[in-house]
């Protein structure tokens, strides 16, 4: 919650938080614990 508030203070909003997008869940018929994305931006990548 601190991170979400911090991002909002910097005018950065997200379509999902620690979850898959609803349309991805619908497309696959389940919500995998692994986030489905085209790109993952991470300092440890």
ModelCIF file with pLDDT and N, C-alpha, C, O atoms, coordinates in Angstrom:
data_MODEL
#
_entry.id   MODEL 
#
_entity.id                         1 
_entity.type                       polymer 
_entity.pdbx_number_of_molecules   1 
#
_entity_poly.entity_id                      1 
_entity_poly.type                           'polypeptide(L)' 
_entity_poly.nstd_linkage                   no 
_entity_poly.nstd_monomer                   no 
_entity_poly.pdbx_seq_one_letter_code       
;(UNK)(UNK)(UNK)(UNK)(UNK)(UNK)(UNK)(UNK)(UNK)(UNK)(UNK)(UNK)(UNK)(UNK)(UNK)(UNK)
(UNK)(UNK)(UNK)(UNK)(UNK)(UNK)(UNK)(UNK)(UNK)(UNK)(UNK)(UNK)(UNK)(UNK)(UNK)(UNK)
(UNK)(UNK)(UNK)(UNK)(UNK)(UNK)(UNK)(UNK)(UNK)(UNK)(UNK)(UNK)(UNK)
;
_entity_poly.pdbx_seq_one_letter_code_can   XXXXXXXXXXXXXXXXXXXXXXXXXXXXXXXXXXXXXXXXXXXXX 
_entity_poly.pdbx_strand_id                 A 
#
loop_
_entity_poly_seq.entity_id 
_entity_poly_seq.num 
_entity_poly_seq.mon_id 
_entity_poly_seq.hetero 
1 1  UNK n 
1 2  UNK n 
1 3  UNK n 
1 4  UNK n 
1 5  UNK n 
1 6  UNK n 
1 7  UNK n 
1 8  UNK n 
1 9  UNK n 
1 10 UNK n 
1 11 UNK n 
1 12 UNK n 
1 13 UNK n 
1 14 UNK n 
1 15 UNK n 
1 16 UNK n 
1 17 UNK n 
1 18 UNK n 
1 19 UNK n 
1 20 UNK n 
1 21 UNK n 
1 22 UNK n 
1 23 UNK n 
1 24 UNK n 
1 25 UNK n 
1 26 UNK n 
1 27 UNK n 
1 28 UNK n 
1 29 UNK n 
1 30 UNK n 
1 31 UNK n 
1 32 UNK n 
1 33 UNK n 
1 34 UNK n 
1 35 UNK n 
1 36 UNK n 
1 37 UNK n 
1 38 UNK n 
1 39 UNK n 
1 40 UNK n 
1 41 UNK n 
1 42 UNK n 
1 43 UNK n 
1 44 UNK n 
1 45 UNK n 
#
_struct_asym.id          A 
_struct_asym.entity_id   1 
#
loop_
_ma_qa_metric.id 
_ma_qa_metric.mode 
_ma_qa_metric.name 
_ma_qa_metric.software_group_id 
_ma_qa_metric.type 
1 global pLDDT . pLDDT 
2 local  pLDDT . pLDDT 
#
_ma_qa_metric_global.metric_id      1 
_ma_qa_metric_global.metric_value   93.24 
_ma_qa_metric_global.model_id       1 
_ma_qa_metric_global.ordinal_id     1 
#
loop_
_ma_qa_metric_local.label_asym_id 
_ma_qa_metric_local.label_comp_id 
_ma_qa_metric_local.label_seq_id 
_ma_qa_metric_local.metric_id 
_ma_qa_metric_local.metric_value 
_ma_qa_metric_local.model_id 
_ma_qa_metric_local.ordinal_id 
A UNK 1  2 91.00 1 1  
A UNK 2  2 92.00 1 2  
A UNK 3  2 93.00 1 3  
A UNK 4  2 94.00 1 4  
A UNK 5  2 94.00 1 5  
A UNK 6  2 95.00 1 6  
A UNK 7  2 96.00 1 7  
A UNK 8  2 96.00 1 8  
A UNK 9  2 96.00 1 9  
A UNK 10 2 97.00 1 10 
A UNK 11 2 97.00 1 11 
A UNK 12 2 97.00 1 12 
A UNK 13 2 97.00 1 13 
A UNK 14 2 97.00 1 14 
A UNK 15 2 97.00 1 15 
A UNK 16 2 97.00 1 16 
A UNK 17 2 95.00 1 17 
A UNK 18 2 93.00 1 18 
A UNK 19 2 94.00 1 19 
A UNK 20 2 95.00 1 20 
A UNK 21 2 96.00 1 21 
A UNK 22 2 94.00 1 22 
A UNK 23 2 93.00 1 23 
A UNK 24 2 93.00 1 24 
A UNK 25 2 95.00 1 25 
A UNK 26 2 94.00 1 26 
A UNK 27 2 91.00 1 27 
A UNK 28 2 92.00 1 28 
A UNK 29 2 93.00 1 29 
A UNK 30 2 93.00 1 30 
A UNK 31 2 93.00 1 31 
A UNK 32 2 88.00 1 32 
A UNK 33 2 87.00 1 33 
A UNK 34 2 90.00 1 34 
A UNK 35 2 93.00 1 35 
A UNK 36 2 94.00 1 36 
A UNK 37 2 94.00 1 37 
A UNK 38 2 94.00 1 38 
A UNK 39 2 93.00 1 39 
A UNK 40 2 94.00 1 40 
A UNK 41 2 94.00 1 41 
A UNK 42 2 92.00 1 42 
A UNK 43 2 88.00 1 43 
A UNK 44 2 85.00 1 44 
A UNK 45 2 80.00 1 45 
#
loop_
_atom_site.group_PDB 
_atom_site.id 
_atom_site.type_symbol 
_atom_site.label_atom_id 
_atom_site.label_alt_id 
_atom_site.label_comp_id 
_atom_site.label_asym_id 
_atom_site.label_entity_id 
_atom_site.label_seq_id 
_atom_site.pdbx_PDB_ins_code 
_atom_site.Cartn_x 
_atom_site.Cartn_y 
_atom_site.Cartn_z 
_atom_site.occupancy 
_atom_site.B_iso_or_equiv 
_atom_site.pdbx_formal_charge 
_atom_site.auth_seq_id 
_atom_site.auth_comp_id 
_atom_site.auth_asym_id 
_atom_site.auth_atom_id 
_atom_site.pdbx_PDB_model_num 
ATOM 1   N N  . UNK A 1 1  ? 0.822   -1.218  0.000   1.00 91.00 ? 1  UNK A N  1 
ATOM 2   C CA . UNK A 1 1  ? 0.000   0.000   0.000   1.00 91.00 ? 1  UNK A CA 1 
ATOM 3   C C  . UNK A 1 1  ? 0.853   1.263   0.000   1.00 91.00 ? 1  UNK A C  1 
ATOM 4   O O  . UNK A 1 1  ? 0.485   2.257   -0.626  1.00 91.00 ? 1  UNK A O  1 
ATOM 5   N N  . UNK A 1 2  ? 1.985   1.233   0.694   1.00 92.00 ? 2  UNK A N  1 
ATOM 6   C CA . UNK A 1 2  ? 2.903   2.382   0.677   1.00 92.00 ? 2  UNK A CA 1 
ATOM 7   C C  . UNK A 1 2  ? 3.427   2.617   -0.735  1.00 92.00 ? 2  UNK A C  1 
ATOM 8   O O  . UNK A 1 2  ? 3.542   3.759   -1.179  1.00 92.00 ? 2  UNK A O  1 
ATOM 9   N N  . UNK A 1 3  ? 3.743   1.538   -1.433  1.00 93.00 ? 3  UNK A N  1 
ATOM 10  C CA . UNK A 1 3  ? 4.260   1.656   -2.803  1.00 93.00 ? 3  UNK A CA 1 
ATOM 11  C C  . UNK A 1 3  ? 3.197   2.198   -3.744  1.00 93.00 ? 3  UNK A C  1 
ATOM 12  O O  . UNK A 1 3  ? 3.490   3.041   -4.592  1.00 93.00 ? 3  UNK A O  1 
ATOM 13  N N  . UNK A 1 4  ? 1.971   1.726   -3.604  1.00 94.00 ? 4  UNK A N  1 
ATOM 14  C CA . UNK A 1 4  ? 0.876   2.207   -4.460  1.00 94.00 ? 4  UNK A CA 1 
ATOM 15  C C  . UNK A 1 4  ? 0.669   3.699   -4.221  1.00 94.00 ? 4  UNK A C  1 
ATOM 16  O O  . UNK A 1 4  ? 0.533   4.463   -5.177  1.00 94.00 ? 4  UNK A O  1 
ATOM 17  N N  . UNK A 1 5  ? 0.642   4.122   -2.962  1.00 94.00 ? 5  UNK A N  1 
ATOM 18  C CA . UNK A 1 5  ? 0.484   5.550   -2.641  1.00 94.00 ? 5  UNK A CA 1 
ATOM 19  C C  . UNK A 1 5  ? 1.647   6.367   -3.186  1.00 94.00 ? 5  UNK A C  1 
ATOM 20  O O  . UNK A 1 5  ? 1.444   7.456   -3.723  1.00 94.00 ? 5  UNK A O  1 
ATOM 21  N N  . UNK A 1 6  ? 2.873   5.846   -3.051  1.00 95.00 ? 6  UNK A N  1 
ATOM 22  C CA . UNK A 1 6  ? 4.065   6.524   -3.553  1.00 95.00 ? 6  UNK A CA 1 
ATOM 23  C C  . UNK A 1 6  ? 3.944   6.728   -5.061  1.00 95.00 ? 6  UNK A C  1 
ATOM 24  O O  . UNK A 1 6  ? 4.245   7.808   -5.570  1.00 95.00 ? 6  UNK A O  1 
ATOM 25  N N  . UNK A 1 7  ? 3.505   5.697   -5.768  1.00 96.00 ? 7  UNK A N  1 
ATOM 26  C CA . UNK A 1 7  ? 3.350   5.806   -7.229  1.00 96.00 ? 7  UNK A CA 1 
ATOM 27  C C  . UNK A 1 7  ? 2.295   6.846   -7.586  1.00 96.00 ? 7  UNK A C  1 
ATOM 28  O O  . UNK A 1 7  ? 2.490   7.632   -8.513  1.00 96.00 ? 7  UNK A O  1 
ATOM 29  N N  . UNK A 1 8  ? 1.194   6.855   -6.869  1.00 96.00 ? 8  UNK A N  1 
ATOM 30  C CA . UNK A 1 8  ? 0.141   7.849   -7.134  1.00 96.00 ? 8  UNK A CA 1 
ATOM 31  C C  . UNK A 1 8  ? 0.649   9.263   -6.892  1.00 96.00 ? 8  UNK A C  1 
ATOM 32  O O  . UNK A 1 8  ? 0.281   10.189  -7.615  1.00 96.00 ? 8  UNK A O  1 
ATOM 33  N N  . UNK A 1 9  ? 1.492   9.433   -5.878  1.00 96.00 ? 9  UNK A N  1 
ATOM 34  C CA . UNK A 1 9  ? 2.089   10.752  -5.632  1.00 96.00 ? 9  UNK A CA 1 
ATOM 35  C C  . UNK A 1 9  ? 2.929   11.202  -6.818  1.00 96.00 ? 9  UNK A C  1 
ATOM 36  O O  . UNK A 1 9  ? 3.116   12.400  -7.034  1.00 96.00 ? 9  UNK A O  1 
ATOM 37  N N  . UNK A 1 10 ? 3.434   10.242  -7.584  1.00 97.00 ? 10 UNK A N  1 
ATOM 38  C CA . UNK A 1 10 ? 4.231   10.540  -8.779  1.00 97.00 ? 10 UNK A CA 1 
ATOM 39  C C  . UNK A 1 10 ? 3.399   10.394  -10.054 1.00 97.00 ? 10 UNK A C  1 
ATOM 40  O O  . UNK A 1 10 ? 3.940   10.231  -11.147 1.00 97.00 ? 10 UNK A O  1 
ATOM 41  N N  . UNK A 1 11 ? 2.069   10.455  -9.892  1.00 97.00 ? 11 UNK A N  1 
ATOM 42  C CA . UNK A 1 11 ? 1.106   10.401  -10.998 1.00 97.00 ? 11 UNK A CA 1 
ATOM 43  C C  . UNK A 1 11 ? 1.266   9.153   -11.872 1.00 97.00 ? 11 UNK A C  1 
ATOM 44  O O  . UNK A 1 11 ? 1.069   9.205   -13.086 1.00 97.00 ? 11 UNK A O  1 
ATOM 45  N N  . UNK A 1 12 ? 1.621   8.046   -11.246 1.00 97.00 ? 12 UNK A N  1 
ATOM 46  C CA . UNK A 1 12 ? 1.776   6.781   -11.966 1.00 97.00 ? 12 UNK A CA 1 
ATOM 47  C C  . UNK A 1 12 ? 0.704   5.817   -11.476 1.00 97.00 ? 12 UNK A C  1 
ATOM 48  O O  . UNK A 1 12 ? 0.682   5.434   -10.307 1.00 97.00 ? 12 UNK A O  1 
ATOM 49  N N  . UNK A 1 13 ? -0.185  5.432   -12.389 1.00 97.00 ? 13 UNK A N  1 
ATOM 50  C CA . UNK A 1 13 ? -1.276  4.512   -12.085 1.00 97.00 ? 13 UNK A CA 1 
ATOM 51  C C  . UNK A 1 13 ? -1.053  3.189   -12.811 1.00 97.00 ? 13 UNK A C  1 
ATOM 52  O O  . UNK A 1 13 ? -0.371  3.132   -13.833 1.00 97.00 ? 13 UNK A O  1 
ATOM 53  N N  . UNK A 1 14 ? -1.636  2.139   -12.267 1.00 97.00 ? 14 UNK A N  1 
ATOM 54  C CA . UNK A 1 14 ? -1.471  0.793   -12.820 1.00 97.00 ? 14 UNK A CA 1 
ATOM 55  C C  . UNK A 1 14 ? -2.818  0.174   -13.150 1.00 97.00 ? 14 UNK A C  1 
ATOM 56  O O  . UNK A 1 14 ? -3.840  0.508   -12.549 1.00 97.00 ? 14 UNK A O  1 
ATOM 57  N N  . UNK A 1 15 ? -2.799  -0.732  -14.116 1.00 97.00 ? 15 UNK A N  1 
ATOM 58  C CA . UNK A 1 15 ? -4.006  -1.451  -14.513 1.00 97.00 ? 15 UNK A CA 1 
ATOM 59  C C  . UNK A 1 15 ? -4.229  -2.677  -13.640 1.00 97.00 ? 15 UNK A C  1 
ATOM 60  O O  . UNK A 1 15 ? -5.343  -3.196  -13.565 1.00 97.00 ? 15 UNK A O  1 
ATOM 61  N N  . UNK A 1 16 ? -3.179  -3.140  -12.985 1.00 97.00 ? 16 UNK A N  1 
ATOM 62  C CA . UNK A 1 16 ? -3.272  -4.262  -12.046 1.00 97.00 ? 16 UNK A CA 1 
ATOM 63  C C  . UNK A 1 16 ? -2.109  -4.152  -11.064 1.00 97.00 ? 16 UNK A C  1 
ATOM 64  O O  . UNK A 1 16 ? -1.064  -3.576  -11.368 1.00 97.00 ? 16 UNK A O  1 
ATOM 65  N N  . UNK A 1 17 ? -2.318  -4.713  -9.898  1.00 95.00 ? 17 UNK A N  1 
ATOM 66  C CA . UNK A 1 17 ? -1.280  -4.707  -8.871  1.00 95.00 ? 17 UNK A CA 1 
ATOM 67  C C  . UNK A 1 17 ? -1.120  -6.130  -8.360  1.00 95.00 ? 17 UNK A C  1 
ATOM 68  O O  . UNK A 1 17 ? -2.034  -6.704  -7.768  1.00 95.00 ? 17 UNK A O  1 
ATOM 69  N N  . UNK A 1 18 ? 0.070   -6.689  -8.602  1.00 93.00 ? 18 UNK A N  1 
ATOM 70  C CA . UNK A 1 18 ? 0.368   -8.069  -8.193  1.00 93.00 ? 18 UNK A CA 1 
ATOM 71  C C  . UNK A 1 18 ? -0.668  -9.060  -8.695  1.00 93.00 ? 18 UNK A C  1 
ATOM 72  O O  . UNK A 1 18 ? -0.983  -10.038 -8.016  1.00 93.00 ? 18 UNK A O  1 
ATOM 73  N N  . UNK A 1 19 ? -1.190  -8.808  -9.870  1.00 94.00 ? 19 UNK A N  1 
ATOM 74  C CA . UNK A 1 19 ? -2.217  -9.689  -10.415 1.00 94.00 ? 19 UNK A CA 1 
ATOM 75  C C  . UNK A 1 19 ? -2.233  -9.560  -11.929 1.00 94.00 ? 19 UNK A C  1 
ATOM 76  O O  . UNK A 1 19 ? -1.734  -8.589  -12.498 1.00 94.00 ? 19 UNK A O  1 
ATOM 77  N N  . UNK A 1 20 ? -2.815  -10.558 -12.561 1.00 95.00 ? 20 UNK A N  1 
ATOM 78  C CA . UNK A 1 20 ? -2.994  -10.505 -14.004 1.00 95.00 ? 20 UNK A CA 1 
ATOM 79  C C  . UNK A 1 20 ? -4.149  -9.576  -14.353 1.00 95.00 ? 20 UNK A C  1 
ATOM 80  O O  . UNK A 1 20 ? -5.044  -9.340  -13.541 1.00 95.00 ? 20 UNK A O  1 
ATOM 81  N N  . UNK A 1 21 ? -4.112  -9.060  -15.560 1.00 96.00 ? 21 UNK A N  1 
ATOM 82  C CA . UNK A 1 21 ? -5.211  -8.240  -16.050 1.00 96.00 ? 21 UNK A CA 1 
ATOM 83  C C  . UNK A 1 21 ? -6.461  -9.105  -16.189 1.00 96.00 ? 21 UNK A C  1 
ATOM 84  O O  . UNK A 1 21 ? -6.348  -10.284 -16.525 1.00 96.00 ? 21 UNK A O  1 
ATOM 85  N N  . UNK A 1 22 ? -7.642  -8.557  -15.941 1.00 94.00 ? 22 UNK A N  1 
ATOM 86  C CA . UNK A 1 22 ? -8.872  -9.347  -16.061 1.00 94.00 ? 22 UNK A CA 1 
ATOM 87  C C  . UNK A 1 22 ? -9.036  -10.010 -17.425 1.00 94.00 ? 22 UNK A C  1 
ATOM 88  O O  . UNK A 1 22 ? -9.523  -11.137 -17.510 1.00 94.00 ? 22 UNK A O  1 
ATOM 89  N N  . UNK A 1 23 ? -8.635  -9.321  -18.490 1.00 93.00 ? 23 UNK A N  1 
ATOM 90  C CA . UNK A 1 23 ? -8.788  -9.894  -19.826 1.00 93.00 ? 23 UNK A CA 1 
ATOM 91  C C  . UNK A 1 23 ? -7.862  -11.092 -20.041 1.00 93.00 ? 23 UNK A C  1 
ATOM 92  O O  . UNK A 1 23 ? -8.183  -11.981 -20.829 1.00 93.00 ? 23 UNK A O  1 
ATOM 93  N N  . UNK A 1 24 ? -6.732  -11.128 -19.360 1.00 93.00 ? 24 UNK A N  1 
ATOM 94  C CA . UNK A 1 24 ? -5.822  -12.274 -19.449 1.00 93.00 ? 24 UNK A CA 1 
ATOM 95  C C  . UNK A 1 24 ? -6.422  -13.463 -18.710 1.00 93.00 ? 24 UNK A C  1 
ATOM 96  O O  . UNK A 1 24 ? -6.369  -14.593 -19.197 1.00 93.00 ? 24 UNK A O  1 
ATOM 97  N N  . UNK A 1 25 ? -6.991  -13.210 -17.536 1.00 95.00 ? 25 UNK A N  1 
ATOM 98  C CA . UNK A 1 25 ? -7.650  -14.275 -16.770 1.00 95.00 ? 25 UNK A CA 1 
ATOM 99  C C  . UNK A 1 25 ? -8.786  -14.866 -17.597 1.00 95.00 ? 25 UNK A C  1 
ATOM 100 O O  . UNK A 1 25 ? -8.952  -16.085 -17.658 1.00 95.00 ? 25 UNK A O  1 
ATOM 101 N N  . UNK A 1 26 ? -9.565  -13.996 -18.233 1.00 94.00 ? 26 UNK A N  1 
ATOM 102 C CA . UNK A 1 26 ? -10.676 -14.464 -19.062 1.00 94.00 ? 26 UNK A CA 1 
ATOM 103 C C  . UNK A 1 26 ? -10.174 -15.265 -20.263 1.00 94.00 ? 26 UNK A C  1 
ATOM 104 O O  . UNK A 1 26 ? -10.742 -16.304 -20.600 1.00 94.00 ? 26 UNK A O  1 
ATOM 105 N N  . UNK A 1 27 ? -9.119  -14.786 -20.901 1.00 91.00 ? 27 UNK A N  1 
ATOM 106 C CA . UNK A 1 27 ? -8.597  -15.459 -22.090 1.00 91.00 ? 27 UNK A CA 1 
ATOM 107 C C  . UNK A 1 27 ? -8.119  -16.869 -21.766 1.00 91.00 ? 27 UNK A C  1 
ATOM 108 O O  . UNK A 1 27 ? -8.374  -17.793 -22.539 1.00 91.00 ? 27 UNK A O  1 
ATOM 109 N N  . UNK A 1 28 ? -7.432  -17.056 -20.638 1.00 92.00 ? 28 UNK A N  1 
ATOM 110 C CA . UNK A 1 28 ? -6.889  -18.362 -20.279 1.00 92.00 ? 28 UNK A CA 1 
ATOM 111 C C  . UNK A 1 28 ? -7.830  -19.196 -19.418 1.00 92.00 ? 28 UNK A C  1 
ATOM 112 O O  . UNK A 1 28 ? -7.598  -20.389 -19.224 1.00 92.00 ? 28 UNK A O  1 
ATOM 113 N N  . UNK A 1 29 ? -8.884  -18.583 -18.903 1.00 93.00 ? 29 UNK A N  1 
ATOM 114 C CA . UNK A 1 29 ? -9.838  -19.328 -18.096 1.00 93.00 ? 29 UNK A CA 1 
ATOM 115 C C  . UNK A 1 29 ? -9.397  -19.583 -16.672 1.00 93.00 ? 29 UNK A C  1 
ATOM 116 O O  . UNK A 1 29 ? -10.059 -20.322 -15.944 1.00 93.00 ? 29 UNK A O  1 
ATOM 117 N N  . UNK A 1 30 ? -8.285  -18.982 -16.258 1.00 93.00 ? 30 UNK A N  1 
ATOM 118 C CA . UNK A 1 30 ? -7.826  -19.076 -14.873 1.00 93.00 ? 30 UNK A CA 1 
ATOM 119 C C  . UNK A 1 30 ? -6.833  -17.948 -14.604 1.00 93.00 ? 30 UNK A C  1 
ATOM 120 O O  . UNK A 1 30 ? -6.388  -17.254 -15.519 1.00 93.00 ? 30 UNK A O  1 
ATOM 121 N N  . UNK A 1 31 ? -6.502  -17.787 -13.342 1.00 93.00 ? 31 UNK A N  1 
ATOM 122 C CA . UNK A 1 31 ? -5.564  -16.743 -12.949 1.00 93.00 ? 31 UNK A CA 1 
ATOM 123 C C  . UNK A 1 31 ? -4.301  -17.393 -12.410 1.00 93.00 ? 31 UNK A C  1 
ATOM 124 O O  . UNK A 1 31 ? -4.213  -17.743 -11.233 1.00 93.00 ? 31 UNK A O  1 
ATOM 125 N N  . UNK A 1 32 ? -3.340  -17.543 -13.284 1.00 88.00 ? 32 UNK A N  1 
ATOM 126 C CA . UNK A 1 32 ? -2.061  -18.130 -12.904 1.00 88.00 ? 32 UNK A CA 1 
ATOM 127 C C  . UNK A 1 32 ? -1.370  -17.239 -11.879 1.00 88.00 ? 32 UNK A C  1 
ATOM 128 O O  . UNK A 1 32 ? -1.526  -16.018 -11.909 1.00 88.00 ? 32 UNK A O  1 
ATOM 129 N N  . UNK A 1 33 ? -0.610  -17.843 -10.977 1.00 87.00 ? 33 UNK A N  1 
ATOM 130 C CA . UNK A 1 33 ? 0.129   -17.026 -10.009 1.00 87.00 ? 33 UNK A CA 1 
ATOM 131 C C  . UNK A 1 33 ? 1.274   -16.272 -10.689 1.00 87.00 ? 33 UNK A C  1 
ATOM 132 O O  . UNK A 1 33 ? 1.784   -15.296 -10.141 1.00 87.00 ? 33 UNK A O  1 
ATOM 133 N N  . UNK A 1 34 ? 1.676   -16.721 -11.876 1.00 90.00 ? 34 UNK A N  1 
ATOM 134 C CA . UNK A 1 34 ? 2.713   -16.025 -12.630 1.00 90.00 ? 34 UNK A CA 1 
ATOM 135 C C  . UNK A 1 34 ? 2.063   -14.903 -13.452 1.00 90.00 ? 34 UNK A C  1 
ATOM 136 O O  . UNK A 1 34 ? 1.078   -15.125 -14.157 1.00 90.00 ? 34 UNK A O  1 
ATOM 137 N N  . UNK A 1 35 ? 2.626   -13.707 -13.348 1.00 93.00 ? 35 UNK A N  1 
ATOM 138 C CA . UNK A 1 35 ? 2.091   -12.561 -14.077 1.00 93.00 ? 35 UNK A CA 1 
ATOM 139 C C  . UNK A 1 35 ? 2.381   -12.733 -15.571 1.00 93.00 ? 35 UNK A C  1 
ATOM 140 O O  . UNK A 1 35 ? 3.520   -12.970 -15.972 1.00 93.00 ? 35 UNK A O  1 
ATOM 141 N N  . UNK A 1 36 ? 1.340   -12.609 -16.377 1.00 94.00 ? 36 UNK A N  1 
ATOM 142 C CA . UNK A 1 36 ? 1.482   -12.656 -17.828 1.00 94.00 ? 36 UNK A CA 1 
ATOM 143 C C  . UNK A 1 36 ? 1.771   -11.244 -18.321 1.00 94.00 ? 36 UNK A C  1 
ATOM 144 O O  . UNK A 1 36 ? 0.976   -10.329 -18.106 1.00 94.00 ? 36 UNK A O  1 
ATOM 145 N N  . UNK A 1 37 ? 2.921   -11.071 -18.986 1.00 94.00 ? 37 UNK A N  1 
ATOM 146 C CA . UNK A 1 37 ? 3.267   -9.756  -19.512 1.00 94.00 ? 37 UNK A CA 1 
ATOM 147 C C  . UNK A 1 37 ? 4.181   -9.932  -20.729 1.00 94.00 ? 37 UNK A C  1 
ATOM 148 O O  . UNK A 1 37 ? 4.751   -10.999 -20.958 1.00 94.00 ? 37 UNK A O  1 
ATOM 149 N N  . UNK A 1 38 ? 4.298   -8.858  -21.491 1.00 94.00 ? 38 UNK A N  1 
ATOM 150 C CA . UNK A 1 38 ? 5.210   -8.844  -22.632 1.00 94.00 ? 38 UNK A CA 1 
ATOM 151 C C  . UNK A 1 38 ? 6.612   -8.442  -22.190 1.00 94.00 ? 38 UNK A C  1 
ATOM 152 O O  . UNK A 1 38 ? 7.607   -8.902  -22.751 1.00 94.00 ? 38 UNK A O  1 
ATOM 153 N N  . UNK A 1 39 ? 6.681   -7.581  -21.182 1.00 93.00 ? 39 UNK A N  1 
ATOM 154 C CA . UNK A 1 39 ? 7.963   -7.109  -20.662 1.00 93.00 ? 39 UNK A CA 1 
ATOM 155 C C  . UNK A 1 39 ? 7.895   -7.053  -19.151 1.00 93.00 ? 39 UNK A C  1 
ATOM 156 O O  . UNK A 1 39 ? 6.871   -6.696  -18.569 1.00 93.00 ? 39 UNK A O  1 
ATOM 157 N N  . UNK A 1 40 ? 9.006   -7.412  -18.526 1.00 94.00 ? 40 UNK A N  1 
ATOM 158 C CA . UNK A 1 40 ? 9.124   -7.299  -17.074 1.00 94.00 ? 40 UNK A CA 1 
ATOM 159 C C  . UNK A 1 40 ? 10.347  -6.438  -16.794 1.00 94.00 ? 40 UNK A C  1 
ATOM 160 O O  . UNK A 1 40 ? 11.470  -6.816  -17.128 1.00 94.00 ? 40 UNK A O  1 
ATOM 161 N N  . UNK A 1 41 ? 10.129  -5.293  -16.187 1.00 94.00 ? 41 UNK A N  1 
ATOM 162 C CA . UNK A 1 41 ? 11.213  -4.367  -15.876 1.00 94.00 ? 41 UNK A CA 1 
ATOM 163 C C  . UNK A 1 41 ? 11.591  -4.559  -14.415 1.00 94.00 ? 41 UNK A C  1 
ATOM 164 O O  . UNK A 1 41 ? 10.774  -4.343  -13.520 1.00 94.00 ? 41 UNK A O  1 
ATOM 165 N N  . UNK A 1 42 ? 12.845  -4.971  -14.178 1.00 92.00 ? 42 UNK A N  1 
ATOM 166 C CA . UNK A 1 42 ? 13.290  -5.302  -12.829 1.00 92.00 ? 42 UNK A CA 1 
ATOM 167 C C  . UNK A 1 42 ? 14.788  -5.061  -12.739 1.00 92.00 ? 42 UNK A C  1 
ATOM 168 O O  . UNK A 1 42 ? 15.524  -5.376  -13.675 1.00 92.00 ? 42 UNK A O  1 
ATOM 169 N N  . UNK A 1 43 ? 15.242  -4.511  -11.635 1.00 88.00 ? 43 UNK A N  1 
ATOM 170 C CA . UNK A 1 43 ? 16.670  -4.254  -11.448 1.00 88.00 ? 43 UNK A CA 1 
ATOM 171 C C  . UNK A 1 43 ? 17.469  -5.541  -11.315 1.00 88.00 ? 43 UNK A C  1 
ATOM 172 O O  . UNK A 1 43 ? 18.693  -5.513  -11.448 1.00 88.00 ? 43 UNK A O  1 
ATOM 173 N N  . UNK A 1 44 ? 16.822  -6.659  -11.058 1.00 85.00 ? 44 UNK A N  1 
ATOM 174 C CA . UNK A 1 44 ? 17.520  -7.939  -10.893 1.00 85.00 ? 44 UNK A CA 1 
ATOM 175 C C  . UNK A 1 44 ? 17.432  -8.819  -12.140 1.00 85.00 ? 44 UNK A C  1 
ATOM 176 O O  . UNK A 1 44 ? 17.870  -9.969  -12.112 1.00 85.00 ? 44 UNK A O  1 
ATOM 177 N N  . UNK A 1 45 ? 16.878  -8.302  -13.221 1.00 80.00 ? 45 UNK A N  1 
ATOM 178 C CA . UNK A 1 45 ? 16.691  -9.102  -14.434 1.00 80.00 ? 45 UNK A CA 1 
ATOM 179 C C  . UNK A 1 45 ? 18.030  -9.432  -15.084 1.00 80.00 ? 45 UNK A C  1 
ATOM 180 O O  . UNK A 1 45 ? 18.066  -10.100 -16.117 1.00 80.00 ? 45 UNK A O  1 
#
